[in-house]
Protein backbone atom coordinates (compact mmCIF):
# COMPACT_ATOMS: atom_id res chain seq x y z
CA MET A 1 -23.00 -17.91 33.64
CA PHE A 2 -21.05 -15.37 35.69
CA ARG A 3 -19.18 -16.79 38.64
CA ASN A 4 -19.21 -13.70 40.80
CA THR A 5 -20.89 -10.36 41.13
CA ILE A 6 -17.83 -8.45 39.91
CA GLN A 7 -18.04 -10.12 36.50
CA ARG A 8 -21.81 -9.61 36.41
CA ASP A 9 -21.46 -5.92 37.32
CA ALA A 10 -18.76 -5.42 34.68
CA ALA A 11 -21.00 -7.03 32.06
CA LYS A 12 -23.90 -4.76 33.06
CA GLN A 13 -21.68 -1.68 32.72
CA ILE A 14 -20.60 -2.74 29.22
CA VAL A 15 -24.19 -3.28 28.13
CA GLN A 16 -25.36 -0.01 29.66
CA SER A 17 -22.55 2.00 28.08
CA THR A 18 -23.31 0.41 24.73
CA LEU A 19 -27.00 1.24 25.02
CA LEU A 20 -26.30 4.86 25.92
CA THR A 21 -23.84 5.32 23.06
CA PRO A 22 -25.22 6.49 19.72
CA LEU A 23 -25.49 3.58 17.30
CA ILE A 24 -24.57 3.83 13.64
CA ARG A 25 -26.72 1.73 11.36
CA LYS A 26 -25.42 -0.24 8.41
CA ASN A 27 -26.64 2.21 5.76
CA GLU A 28 -25.19 5.17 7.67
CA LEU A 29 -21.86 3.39 8.02
CA ALA A 30 -21.80 2.59 4.31
CA VAL A 31 -22.25 6.29 3.50
CA LEU A 32 -19.55 7.30 5.99
CA LEU A 33 -17.07 4.81 4.52
CA ASN A 34 -18.19 5.38 0.91
CA VAL A 35 -18.90 1.68 0.33
CA SER A 36 -22.02 -0.38 -0.32
CA THR A 37 -24.09 -2.00 2.41
CA LYS A 38 -23.08 -5.36 0.89
CA THR A 39 -19.43 -4.44 1.57
CA ILE A 40 -20.33 -3.65 5.19
CA GLU A 41 -21.97 -7.09 5.47
CA ARG A 42 -18.92 -8.77 3.91
CA TRP A 43 -16.47 -6.89 6.17
CA THR A 44 -18.52 -7.87 9.22
CA LYS A 45 -18.67 -11.52 8.14
CA ASN A 46 -14.89 -11.57 7.51
CA GLU A 47 -14.30 -9.79 10.85
CA PHE A 48 -12.69 -6.77 9.21
CA LEU A 49 -15.25 -4.64 11.08
CA PRO A 50 -16.11 -5.20 14.74
CA PRO A 51 -19.35 -7.09 15.30
CA PRO A 52 -22.48 -4.94 15.45
CA PHE A 53 -24.64 -4.64 18.55
CA ARG A 54 -27.52 -7.13 18.43
CA THR A 55 -30.69 -7.53 20.45
CA LYS A 56 -31.29 -10.66 22.51
CA ALA A 57 -33.35 -11.97 19.60
CA GLY A 58 -30.30 -11.62 17.35
CA ARG A 59 -31.52 -8.63 15.39
CA THR A 60 -28.74 -6.25 14.38
CA ILE A 61 -29.23 -2.67 15.51
CA GLY A 62 -25.89 -1.07 14.63
CA TRP A 63 -22.38 -0.28 15.77
CA PRO A 64 -21.68 1.82 18.85
CA GLU A 65 -20.05 5.05 17.73
CA HIS A 66 -17.12 4.69 20.14
CA GLN A 67 -16.41 1.18 18.84
CA LEU A 68 -16.10 2.44 15.27
CA GLU A 69 -13.89 5.31 16.39
CA GLU A 70 -11.52 2.82 18.04
CA TRP A 71 -11.62 0.65 14.91
CA SER A 72 -10.75 3.61 12.66
CA VAL A 73 -7.74 4.52 14.84
CA ILE A 74 -6.46 0.94 14.58
CA MET A 75 -7.00 0.88 10.82
CA ARG A 76 -4.97 4.09 10.34
CA ARG A 77 -1.84 2.47 11.78
């Protein structure tokens, strides 16, 4: 999959930083944004929100806090 160790190391760092970052679950995000969880699902499907972090099995865990902070800065522009 990765052609060299630099790419593999970079991928590991991204995964590790994501795992160490607090994750915001869908219901928490809905409360923060004052919308329904169905709206969160729709925004994710339509790529209005960044994709949530998922396990290898495909189960959604939540959004890394830093990712949502970056998203909110972009949306304010």
